[in-house]
N, C-alpha and C. Protein backbone atom coordinates (compact mmCIF):
# COMPACT_ATOMS: atom_id res chain seq x y z
N MET A 1 128.86 105.24 118.33
CA MET A 1 127.95 105.02 119.24
C MET A 1 126.34 104.56 118.79
N THR A 2 125.95 103.81 119.76
CA THR A 2 124.73 103.05 119.35
C THR A 2 123.48 103.66 120.49
N SER A 3 122.47 104.08 119.54
CA SER A 3 121.15 104.46 120.53
C SER A 3 120.35 103.35 120.58
N ARG A 4 119.71 103.66 121.63
CA ARG A 4 118.83 102.40 122.26
C ARG A 4 117.58 102.82 122.65
N VAL A 5 116.40 102.39 121.75
CA VAL A 5 115.01 102.80 122.15
C VAL A 5 114.39 101.54 122.43
N VAL A 6 113.62 101.79 123.39
CA VAL A 6 112.45 100.73 123.83
C VAL A 6 111.26 101.13 123.79
N LEU A 7 110.32 100.56 123.05
CA LEU A 7 108.83 101.15 122.90
C LEU A 7 108.13 100.16 123.81
N ILE A 8 107.30 100.50 124.63
CA ILE A 8 106.50 99.78 125.58
C ILE A 8 105.12 100.07 125.19
N SER A 9 104.42 98.95 124.61
CA SER A 9 102.86 98.89 124.23
C SER A 9 102.05 99.07 125.84
N PRO A 10 101.02 99.72 125.52
CA PRO A 10 100.30 100.09 126.80
C PRO A 10 99.43 98.83 127.37
N ALA A 11 99.17 98.69 128.80
CA ALA A 11 98.38 97.72 129.16
C ALA A 11 96.82 97.69 128.93
N MET A 12 96.19 96.86 129.03
CA MET A 12 94.74 96.64 128.64
C MET A 12 93.57 97.71 129.16
N ASN A 13 92.90 98.24 128.34
CA ASN A 13 91.54 99.01 128.84
C ASN A 13 90.47 98.60 128.08
N ARG A 14 89.62 99.09 128.50
CA ARG A 14 88.25 98.82 127.81
C ARG A 14 88.23 99.02 126.37
N SER A 15 88.72 99.95 125.70
CA SER A 15 88.95 99.98 124.41
C SER A 15 89.57 99.10 123.64
N LEU A 16 90.66 98.59 124.22
CA LEU A 16 91.59 97.51 123.91
C LEU A 16 90.87 96.18 123.57
N ARG A 17 90.01 96.03 124.65
CA ARG A 17 89.50 94.73 124.94
C ARG A 17 88.22 94.65 123.99
N GLN A 18 87.68 95.71 123.83
CA GLN A 18 86.44 95.78 122.53
C GLN A 18 87.05 95.93 121.24
N ALA A 19 88.18 96.10 120.86
CA ALA A 19 88.82 96.35 119.73
C ALA A 19 88.26 97.88 119.21
N ARG A 20 87.98 98.74 120.05
CA ARG A 20 87.40 100.12 119.97
C ARG A 20 88.62 101.00 119.51
N PHE A 21 88.21 102.05 118.67
CA PHE A 21 89.27 103.11 118.46
C PHE A 21 89.45 103.59 119.78
N ASP A 22 90.76 104.13 120.16
CA ASP A 22 90.82 104.57 121.54
C ASP A 22 90.05 105.89 121.79
N ASP A 23 89.25 105.74 123.09
CA ASP A 23 88.35 107.00 123.37
C ASP A 23 88.77 107.52 124.77
N GLY A 24 90.00 107.38 124.90
CA GLY A 24 90.50 107.99 126.11
C GLY A 24 90.12 107.18 127.52
N SER A 25 90.03 105.93 127.29
CA SER A 25 89.31 105.38 128.82
C SER A 25 90.65 104.77 129.24
N PRO A 26 90.39 104.90 130.82
CA PRO A 26 91.54 104.48 131.61
C PRO A 26 92.15 103.07 131.40
N LEU A 27 93.05 102.79 132.16
CA LEU A 27 93.34 101.25 132.32
C LEU A 27 92.17 100.57 133.09
N ASP A 28 91.83 99.27 132.55
CA ASP A 28 91.02 98.49 133.51
C ASP A 28 91.80 97.88 134.58
N ASP A 29 90.99 97.44 135.53
CA ASP A 29 91.87 96.54 136.78
C ASP A 29 92.91 95.79 136.41
N ARG A 30 92.53 94.88 135.55
CA ARG A 30 93.37 93.63 135.27
C ARG A 30 94.86 94.37 134.64
N GLY A 31 94.79 95.36 133.61
CA GLY A 31 95.59 95.84 133.01
C GLY A 31 96.64 96.58 133.92
N ARG A 32 95.67 97.63 134.81
CA ARG A 32 96.81 98.32 135.87
C ARG A 32 97.49 97.03 136.71
N GLU A 33 96.81 96.09 137.06
CA GLU A 33 97.46 95.07 137.81
C GLU A 33 98.77 94.35 137.17
N ARG A 34 98.51 93.94 135.80
CA ARG A 34 99.59 93.23 134.85
C ARG A 34 100.72 94.30 134.86
N ALA A 35 100.33 95.76 134.64
CA ALA A 35 101.48 96.72 134.56
C ALA A 35 102.32 96.68 135.96
N ALA A 36 101.76 96.78 136.94
CA ALA A 36 102.05 97.00 138.26
C ALA A 36 103.00 95.82 138.64
N ALA A 37 102.54 94.60 138.19
CA ALA A 37 103.51 93.56 138.42
C ALA A 37 104.76 93.40 137.47
N ALA A 38 104.70 94.04 136.51
CA ALA A 38 105.91 94.43 135.50
C ALA A 38 106.85 95.29 136.06
N ALA A 39 106.38 96.14 136.97
CA ALA A 39 107.08 97.25 137.35
C ALA A 39 108.71 96.61 137.95
N GLY A 40 109.81 97.38 137.37
CA GLY A 40 111.17 96.98 137.81
C GLY A 40 111.62 95.82 136.89
N SER A 41 110.93 95.62 135.48
CA SER A 41 111.68 94.55 134.83
C SER A 41 112.11 95.34 133.72
N LEU A 42 112.06 96.53 133.49
CA LEU A 42 112.60 97.48 132.49
C LEU A 42 113.94 97.75 132.54
N PRO A 43 114.93 97.98 131.64
CA PRO A 43 116.22 98.37 132.01
C PRO A 43 116.41 99.84 132.43
N SER A 44 117.28 100.32 133.05
CA SER A 44 117.33 101.84 133.34
C SER A 44 117.41 102.52 131.85
N ALA A 45 117.00 103.90 132.09
CA ALA A 45 117.26 104.68 130.69
C ALA A 45 117.68 106.12 131.12
N ALA A 46 118.10 106.57 129.96
CA ALA A 46 118.54 108.13 130.15
C ALA A 46 117.24 109.10 130.03
N ARG A 47 116.30 108.67 129.50
CA ARG A 47 115.26 109.50 129.39
C ARG A 47 114.00 108.63 129.08
N VAL A 48 112.71 108.97 129.54
CA VAL A 48 111.33 108.13 129.27
C VAL A 48 110.42 109.34 128.89
N VAL A 49 109.81 108.87 127.80
CA VAL A 49 108.59 109.83 127.15
C VAL A 49 107.42 108.63 127.21
N VAL A 50 106.12 109.59 126.75
CA VAL A 50 105.15 108.83 126.84
C VAL A 50 104.04 109.46 125.82
N SER A 51 103.44 108.49 125.42
CA SER A 51 102.44 109.08 124.39
C SER A 51 101.04 109.70 125.15
N PRO A 52 100.39 110.74 124.73
CA PRO A 52 99.37 111.55 125.63
C PRO A 52 98.24 110.83 125.88
N SER A 53 98.11 109.59 125.56
CA SER A 53 96.76 108.95 125.88
C SER A 53 96.58 108.45 127.53
N ALA A 54 95.61 108.46 127.94
CA ALA A 54 95.43 107.99 129.22
C ALA A 54 95.75 106.78 129.59
N ARG A 55 95.65 105.62 128.62
CA ARG A 55 96.21 104.41 128.87
C ARG A 55 97.55 104.40 128.89
N CYS A 56 98.27 105.02 128.10
CA CYS A 56 99.94 105.20 128.09
C CYS A 56 100.60 105.91 129.44
N ARG A 57 99.95 106.93 129.85
CA ARG A 57 100.31 107.64 130.89
C ARG A 57 100.04 106.93 132.12
N GLN A 58 98.88 105.97 132.24
CA GLN A 58 98.71 104.98 133.52
C GLN A 58 99.64 103.99 133.44
N THR A 59 99.94 103.25 132.16
CA THR A 59 100.60 102.16 132.22
C THR A 59 102.08 102.64 132.66
N ALA A 60 102.59 103.72 132.32
CA ALA A 60 103.91 104.39 132.50
C ALA A 60 104.15 104.34 134.24
N GLY A 61 102.94 105.01 134.64
CA GLY A 61 102.76 105.05 136.21
C GLY A 61 103.05 103.88 136.93
N ALA A 62 102.09 102.87 136.42
CA ALA A 62 101.93 101.53 136.93
C ALA A 62 103.47 100.78 136.96
N LEU A 63 104.19 100.94 135.87
CA LEU A 63 105.53 100.43 135.53
C LEU A 63 106.73 101.17 136.42
N GLY A 64 106.08 102.57 137.23
CA GLY A 64 107.30 103.01 137.83
C GLY A 64 107.77 104.09 137.08
N LEU A 65 107.32 104.55 136.13
CA LEU A 65 108.04 105.57 135.17
C LEU A 65 107.49 106.92 135.18
N ASP A 66 108.37 107.64 135.55
CA ASP A 66 108.16 109.22 135.34
C ASP A 66 108.46 109.66 134.25
N GLY A 67 107.66 109.85 132.95
CA GLY A 67 108.34 110.33 131.86
C GLY A 67 107.73 111.61 131.05
N ALA A 68 108.24 112.29 130.31
CA ALA A 68 107.51 113.43 129.53
C ALA A 68 106.71 113.01 128.65
N GLU A 69 105.51 113.71 128.62
CA GLU A 69 104.59 113.41 127.44
C GLU A 69 105.02 114.01 126.03
N ALA A 70 104.85 113.17 125.36
CA ALA A 70 105.41 113.50 123.93
C ALA A 70 104.28 113.56 122.83
N ALA A 71 103.75 114.62 122.63
CA ALA A 71 102.75 115.01 121.73
C ALA A 71 103.10 114.21 120.21
N GLY A 72 103.89 114.12 119.85
CA GLY A 72 104.39 113.51 118.50
C GLY A 72 104.28 111.90 118.47
N LEU A 73 104.20 111.36 119.75
CA LEU A 73 104.33 109.85 119.99
C LEU A 73 102.45 109.55 119.99
N ALA A 74 101.73 110.39 119.80
CA ALA A 74 100.24 110.05 119.90
C ALA A 74 99.88 108.91 118.87
N GLY A 75 98.96 108.24 119.15
CA GLY A 75 98.36 107.35 118.19
C GLY A 75 97.71 107.94 116.99
N LEU A 76 97.57 107.25 116.17
CA LEU A 76 96.96 107.27 114.86
C LEU A 76 95.59 108.28 115.09
N ASP A 77 95.62 109.44 114.53
CA ASP A 77 94.37 110.22 114.85
C ASP A 77 93.26 109.65 114.00
N VAL A 78 92.26 109.31 114.28
CA VAL A 78 91.20 108.57 113.56
C VAL A 78 90.09 109.40 113.63
N GLY A 79 90.06 110.69 113.78
CA GLY A 79 88.97 111.70 113.46
C GLY A 79 87.60 111.31 114.11
N ARG A 80 86.60 111.14 113.40
CA ARG A 80 85.19 111.00 113.97
C ARG A 80 84.93 109.34 114.20
N TRP A 81 85.67 108.56 113.87
CA TRP A 81 85.69 107.40 114.29
C TRP A 81 86.39 106.95 115.58
N ARG A 82 86.81 107.89 116.43
CA ARG A 82 87.08 107.74 117.73
C ARG A 82 86.18 107.14 118.78
N GLY A 83 86.23 106.21 119.45
CA GLY A 83 85.18 105.26 120.46
C GLY A 83 84.52 104.46 119.83
N ARG A 84 84.75 104.20 118.41
CA ARG A 84 83.83 103.16 117.73
C ARG A 84 84.63 101.84 117.75
N THR A 85 84.01 100.83 117.33
CA THR A 85 84.63 99.75 116.90
C THR A 85 84.92 99.78 115.35
N LEU A 86 86.02 98.99 114.87
CA LEU A 86 86.10 98.82 113.61
C LEU A 86 84.58 98.13 112.95
N ASP A 87 84.06 97.22 113.60
CA ASP A 87 82.94 96.49 112.90
C ASP A 87 81.78 97.77 112.51
N GLU A 88 81.53 98.63 113.51
CA GLU A 88 80.59 99.42 113.58
C GLU A 88 80.90 100.45 112.55
N VAL A 89 82.01 100.83 112.31
CA VAL A 89 82.49 101.74 111.16
C VAL A 89 82.37 100.94 109.94
N ALA A 90 82.63 99.73 109.85
CA ALA A 90 82.39 98.98 108.38
C ALA A 90 81.26 99.12 108.02
N VAL A 91 80.12 98.84 109.23
CA VAL A 91 78.96 98.78 108.65
C VAL A 91 78.40 100.04 108.07
N ALA A 92 78.71 101.13 108.90
CA ALA A 92 78.17 102.61 108.52
C ALA A 92 78.92 103.11 107.18
N GLU A 93 80.25 102.97 106.94
CA GLU A 93 80.88 103.41 106.05
C GLU A 93 81.77 102.24 105.45
N PRO A 94 81.34 101.25 104.74
CA PRO A 94 82.06 100.15 104.21
C PRO A 94 83.30 100.75 103.47
N GLU A 95 82.98 101.65 102.24
CA GLU A 95 83.88 101.95 101.24
C GLU A 95 84.91 102.86 102.09
N ALA A 96 84.71 103.55 103.04
CA ALA A 96 85.59 104.45 103.65
C ALA A 96 86.52 103.54 104.17
N VAL A 97 86.08 102.71 104.97
CA VAL A 97 87.14 101.55 105.73
C VAL A 97 87.91 100.77 104.80
N GLY A 98 87.37 100.41 103.60
CA GLY A 98 87.95 99.83 102.62
C GLY A 98 89.20 100.54 101.98
N ARG A 99 88.91 101.73 101.93
CA ARG A 99 90.12 102.78 101.31
C ARG A 99 91.08 102.95 102.52
N TRP A 100 90.87 103.14 103.79
CA TRP A 100 91.45 103.28 104.66
C TRP A 100 92.46 101.99 104.95
N LEU A 101 92.07 100.84 104.80
CA LEU A 101 92.81 99.63 105.08
C LEU A 101 93.72 99.24 104.05
N THR A 102 93.44 100.02 103.04
CA THR A 102 94.27 99.54 101.73
C THR A 102 95.05 100.73 101.11
N ASP A 103 94.83 102.06 101.26
CA ASP A 103 95.65 103.13 100.78
C ASP A 103 96.21 104.00 102.27
N PRO A 104 97.40 103.91 102.22
CA PRO A 104 98.02 104.43 103.41
C PRO A 104 97.82 105.94 103.26
N SER A 105 97.58 106.56 102.10
CA SER A 105 97.34 107.96 102.35
C SER A 105 96.13 108.33 102.40
N SER A 106 95.16 107.59 102.61
CA SER A 106 93.79 107.66 102.88
C SER A 106 93.10 108.31 104.25
N ALA A 107 92.35 109.07 104.56
CA ALA A 107 92.02 109.68 106.02
C ALA A 107 90.49 109.84 105.79
N PRO A 108 89.68 108.87 105.43
CA PRO A 108 88.17 109.10 105.42
C PRO A 108 87.66 109.32 106.62
N HIS A 109 88.39 109.47 107.75
CA HIS A 109 87.52 109.62 108.97
C HIS A 109 87.84 110.88 109.52
N GLY A 110 88.84 111.86 108.50
CA GLY A 110 89.04 113.26 108.96
C GLY A 110 90.01 113.27 110.06
N GLY A 111 90.80 112.16 109.96
CA GLY A 111 91.83 112.43 110.97
C GLY A 111 93.06 112.41 110.23
N GLU A 112 94.01 111.52 110.83
CA GLU A 112 95.51 111.54 110.11
C GLU A 112 95.60 109.92 109.16
N SER A 113 96.12 110.15 108.17
CA SER A 113 96.62 108.92 107.29
C SER A 113 97.57 108.21 107.79
N VAL A 114 97.60 106.85 107.88
CA VAL A 114 98.75 105.98 108.19
C VAL A 114 100.17 106.49 107.71
N ARG A 115 100.26 106.74 106.42
CA ARG A 115 101.47 107.38 106.14
C ARG A 115 101.79 108.58 106.82
N ASP A 116 100.90 109.52 107.06
CA ASP A 116 101.38 110.81 107.73
C ASP A 116 101.90 110.41 109.32
N ALA A 117 101.15 109.35 109.80
CA ALA A 117 101.44 108.93 111.20
C ALA A 117 102.79 108.24 110.99
N CYS A 118 103.10 107.63 110.07
CA CYS A 118 104.38 106.57 109.87
C CYS A 118 105.59 107.69 109.76
N ALA A 119 105.20 108.90 108.98
CA ALA A 119 106.14 109.90 108.45
C ALA A 119 106.52 110.55 110.06
N ARG A 120 105.66 110.82 110.77
CA ARG A 120 105.69 111.53 112.11
C ARG A 120 106.48 110.71 113.19
N VAL A 121 106.12 109.41 113.18
CA VAL A 121 107.11 108.60 113.87
C VAL A 121 108.31 108.42 113.45
N ALA A 122 108.53 108.27 112.35
CA ALA A 122 110.02 108.05 111.68
C ALA A 122 110.83 109.44 112.09
N HIS A 123 110.42 110.34 112.01
CA HIS A 123 111.05 111.61 112.28
C HIS A 123 111.45 111.83 113.70
N TRP A 124 110.49 111.44 114.58
CA TRP A 124 110.78 111.12 116.04
C TRP A 124 111.99 110.21 116.38
N LEU A 125 112.08 109.15 115.68
CA LEU A 125 112.86 107.83 115.93
C LEU A 125 114.17 108.32 115.24
N ASP A 126 114.28 108.93 114.17
CA ASP A 126 115.60 109.44 113.59
C ASP A 126 116.19 110.75 114.39
N GLY A 127 115.50 111.28 115.08
CA GLY A 127 116.12 112.29 115.91
C GLY A 127 116.69 111.53 117.27
N LEU A 128 116.59 110.32 117.38
CA LEU A 128 117.26 109.59 118.45
C LEU A 128 118.51 109.28 118.18
N ARG A 129 118.98 108.90 116.74
CA ARG A 129 120.20 108.17 116.53
C ARG A 129 121.33 108.81 117.07
N GLU A 130 121.35 110.14 117.37
CA GLU A 130 122.50 110.60 117.79
C GLU A 130 122.51 110.85 119.46
N THR A 131 121.64 110.14 120.27
CA THR A 131 121.60 110.57 121.47
C THR A 131 122.36 109.28 122.11
N ASP A 132 122.72 109.91 123.54
CA ASP A 132 123.30 108.82 124.48
C ASP A 132 122.58 108.49 125.39
N GLY A 133 122.68 106.97 125.48
CA GLY A 133 121.95 106.35 126.50
C GLY A 133 120.63 105.86 125.93
N ARG A 134 120.01 105.14 126.80
CA ARG A 134 118.46 104.60 126.49
C ARG A 134 117.45 105.34 126.56
N THR A 135 116.47 105.23 125.59
CA THR A 135 115.08 105.71 125.82
C THR A 135 114.05 104.77 126.02
N LEU A 136 113.35 104.97 127.03
CA LEU A 136 112.04 104.15 127.01
C LEU A 136 110.86 105.11 126.54
N ALA A 137 110.04 104.56 126.13
CA ALA A 137 108.83 105.20 125.53
C ALA A 137 107.54 104.14 125.65
N VAL A 138 106.53 104.71 126.50
CA VAL A 138 105.53 103.98 126.68
C VAL A 138 104.51 104.65 125.50
N VAL A 139 104.30 103.88 124.51
CA VAL A 139 103.52 104.36 123.31
C VAL A 139 102.27 103.56 122.92
N GLU A 140 101.35 104.05 122.09
CA GLU A 140 100.32 103.37 121.48
C GLU A 140 100.81 102.36 120.41
N PRO A 141 100.20 101.14 120.23
CA PRO A 141 100.47 100.28 119.26
C PRO A 141 100.67 100.78 118.07
N ASP A 142 100.04 101.62 117.53
CA ASP A 142 99.97 102.47 116.29
C ASP A 142 101.41 102.81 116.28
N VAL A 143 102.18 103.55 117.15
CA VAL A 143 103.50 104.27 117.25
C VAL A 143 104.56 103.01 117.15
N VAL A 144 104.01 101.89 117.75
CA VAL A 144 105.26 100.73 117.44
C VAL A 144 105.17 100.36 116.01
N ARG A 145 103.66 100.33 115.57
CA ARG A 145 103.89 99.95 114.32
C ARG A 145 104.61 100.90 113.23
N ALA A 146 104.38 102.09 113.41
CA ALA A 146 105.02 102.96 112.71
C ALA A 146 106.48 102.78 112.50
N ALA A 147 107.08 102.72 113.77
CA ALA A 147 108.21 102.86 114.17
C ALA A 147 109.00 101.45 113.68
N VAL A 148 108.31 100.21 113.53
CA VAL A 148 108.88 99.22 112.87
C VAL A 148 109.17 99.26 111.27
N VAL A 149 107.75 99.82 110.65
CA VAL A 149 107.50 100.14 109.32
C VAL A 149 108.77 100.77 108.98
N HIS A 150 109.17 102.03 109.57
CA HIS A 150 110.14 102.62 109.20
C HIS A 150 111.69 102.09 109.42
N ALA A 151 111.99 101.50 110.50
CA ALA A 151 113.09 100.91 110.77
C ALA A 151 113.50 99.89 109.67
N LEU A 152 112.42 99.07 109.15
CA LEU A 152 112.84 97.86 108.31
C LEU A 152 112.61 98.57 107.07
N GLY A 153 112.13 99.67 106.81
CA GLY A 153 111.98 100.34 105.28
C GLY A 153 111.07 99.48 104.74
N LEU A 154 109.74 99.43 105.54
CA LEU A 154 108.75 98.57 104.78
C LEU A 154 107.69 99.64 104.02
N PRO A 155 106.95 99.47 103.27
CA PRO A 155 106.17 100.37 102.68
C PRO A 155 105.07 100.68 103.79
N ALA A 156 104.34 101.71 103.60
CA ALA A 156 103.40 101.91 104.62
C ALA A 156 102.43 101.13 104.70
N SER A 157 102.03 100.38 103.59
CA SER A 157 100.73 99.35 103.54
C SER A 157 101.28 98.24 104.58
N GLY A 158 102.68 97.97 104.90
CA GLY A 158 102.81 96.80 105.90
C GLY A 158 102.43 97.26 107.21
N PHE A 159 101.92 98.30 107.54
CA PHE A 159 101.52 99.01 108.82
C PHE A 159 100.32 97.87 109.65
N TRP A 160 99.40 97.43 108.68
CA TRP A 160 98.25 96.74 109.12
C TRP A 160 98.69 95.21 109.15
N ARG A 161 100.00 95.24 108.95
CA ARG A 161 100.71 93.53 108.80
C ARG A 161 100.88 93.45 110.37
N LEU A 162 101.21 94.36 111.17
CA LEU A 162 101.87 94.10 112.55
C LEU A 162 100.80 94.21 113.69
N ASP A 163 101.10 93.12 114.49
CA ASP A 163 100.42 92.90 115.73
C ASP A 163 101.16 93.27 116.85
N VAL A 164 100.75 94.01 117.66
CA VAL A 164 101.60 94.54 119.04
C VAL A 164 100.70 94.17 120.24
N PRO A 165 101.12 93.39 120.61
CA PRO A 165 100.20 92.80 122.07
C PRO A 165 100.43 93.69 123.14
N PRO A 166 99.58 94.08 123.97
CA PRO A 166 99.68 94.80 125.44
C PRO A 166 101.07 94.39 126.30
N LEU A 167 101.64 95.31 126.76
CA LEU A 167 102.69 94.94 127.65
C LEU A 167 103.74 94.25 127.19
N THR A 168 104.19 94.62 126.06
CA THR A 168 105.43 94.32 125.15
C THR A 168 106.24 95.15 124.95
N ALA A 169 107.68 94.72 124.87
CA ALA A 169 108.77 95.83 124.55
C ALA A 169 109.18 95.51 122.99
N THR A 170 109.38 96.44 122.23
CA THR A 170 110.04 96.62 121.05
C THR A 170 111.26 97.11 121.03
N GLU A 171 112.35 96.59 120.83
CA GLU A 171 113.55 97.27 121.04
C GLU A 171 114.42 97.57 119.71
N PHE A 172 114.86 98.82 119.89
CA PHE A 172 115.58 99.44 118.66
C PHE A 172 116.99 99.61 119.03
N SER A 173 118.06 99.21 118.30
CA SER A 173 119.46 99.66 118.46
C SER A 173 119.74 100.19 116.96
N GLY A 174 120.43 101.55 116.96
CA GLY A 174 120.74 102.14 115.97
C GLY A 174 122.21 102.59 115.93
N ARG A 175 122.79 102.61 114.84
CA ARG A 175 124.19 102.90 114.56
C ARG A 175 124.44 102.84 113.21
N GLY A 176 125.26 103.82 112.69
CA GLY A 176 125.55 103.93 111.19
C GLY A 176 124.34 104.15 110.20
N GLY A 177 123.34 104.74 110.71
CA GLY A 177 122.24 105.10 109.95
C GLY A 177 121.07 104.14 109.90
N ARG A 178 121.28 103.11 110.48
CA ARG A 178 120.19 102.12 110.47
C ARG A 178 119.68 101.33 111.67
N TRP A 179 118.55 100.81 111.68
CA TRP A 179 118.11 100.35 113.04
C TRP A 179 117.93 98.77 113.11
N ASN A 180 118.33 98.24 114.06
CA ASN A 180 118.11 96.80 114.14
C ASN A 180 116.98 96.50 115.10
N LEU A 181 116.10 95.27 115.31
CA LEU A 181 115.17 95.31 115.99
C LEU A 181 115.14 93.94 116.74
N ARG A 182 114.57 93.97 117.96
CA ARG A 182 113.92 92.86 118.80
C ARG A 182 112.61 93.16 119.08
N LEU A 183 111.82 92.45 118.50
CA LEU A 183 110.12 92.50 118.51
C LEU A 183 109.55 91.83 119.63
N GLY A 184 108.62 92.57 120.19
CA GLY A 184 107.53 92.22 120.96
C GLY A 184 107.90 91.18 122.22
N ARG A 185 109.05 91.49 122.98
CA ARG A 185 109.21 90.86 124.30
C ARG A 185 108.33 90.96 125.18
N PRO A 186 107.82 90.10 125.97
CA PRO A 186 106.52 90.41 127.03
C PRO A 186 107.48 90.90 128.20
N LEU A 187 106.97 91.78 128.84
CA LEU A 187 107.43 92.31 130.08
C LEU A 187 107.37 91.38 131.08
N ASP A 188 108.26 90.96 132.12
CA ASP A 188 108.39 89.96 133.05
C ASP A 188 107.20 90.24 133.96
N VAL A 189 106.25 89.55 133.86
CA VAL A 189 104.99 89.27 134.69
C VAL A 189 104.82 88.24 134.98
N PRO A 190 104.12 87.91 136.08
CA PRO A 190 103.56 86.40 136.52
C PRO A 190 102.89 85.97 135.47
N GLU A 191 102.69 84.81 135.56
CA GLU A 191 101.80 83.93 134.72
C GLU A 191 102.15 84.19 132.95
N ALA A 192 103.22 84.32 132.64
CA ALA A 192 103.64 85.24 131.63
C ALA A 192 102.89 84.45 130.14
N GLY A 193 102.75 83.36 130.40
CA GLY A 193 102.06 82.45 129.29
C GLY A 193 100.81 82.31 129.10
N SER A 194 99.91 82.98 130.23
CA SER A 194 98.55 83.03 130.46
C SER A 194 98.08 84.12 129.27
N GLY A 195 98.76 84.91 128.72
CA GLY A 195 98.14 86.13 127.73
C GLY A 195 97.92 87.04 128.38
N PHE A 196 97.87 88.49 127.80
CA PHE A 196 97.45 89.54 128.62
C PHE A 196 96.13 89.76 128.27
């Protein structure tokens, strides 16, 4: 049996446009339009799950997906940095940001370490190895990064080396205890070459 998992990154919102740690803001008008334009472009699935953030729930809705919320697929918990830009935090806490970006076990913001987030997502992904049918999941970019790190057996330090554009599909197929990947396929939306 081959397990198939498709991770969809959310459409744009104010936080993504401003390079801000997610603050729970909804999709912006353009993000909602782009997601709605991609509705119907995804394959059928036996199950649909969604990260608990507003932008993931709204992206799923605009794509026409009705999925169960999965707390285990939340984005990286950045504690007191939530809602701030990386630049703002780097000015206020330069040593803490330096540690956080270089040590996957560090969580100077009081939230979750990258290593812990990767372990949480790895546990979820490995739980799907023996499932039948395709799983579609609209998830935070952090979840996509963590899943790729796990599937390829990368060190947790590789997490920051992966870019996840909005409204892209990262596809995993698993068999025999390993995962294969197809990375970052843009969803079929008009003006696909114009960027998101």
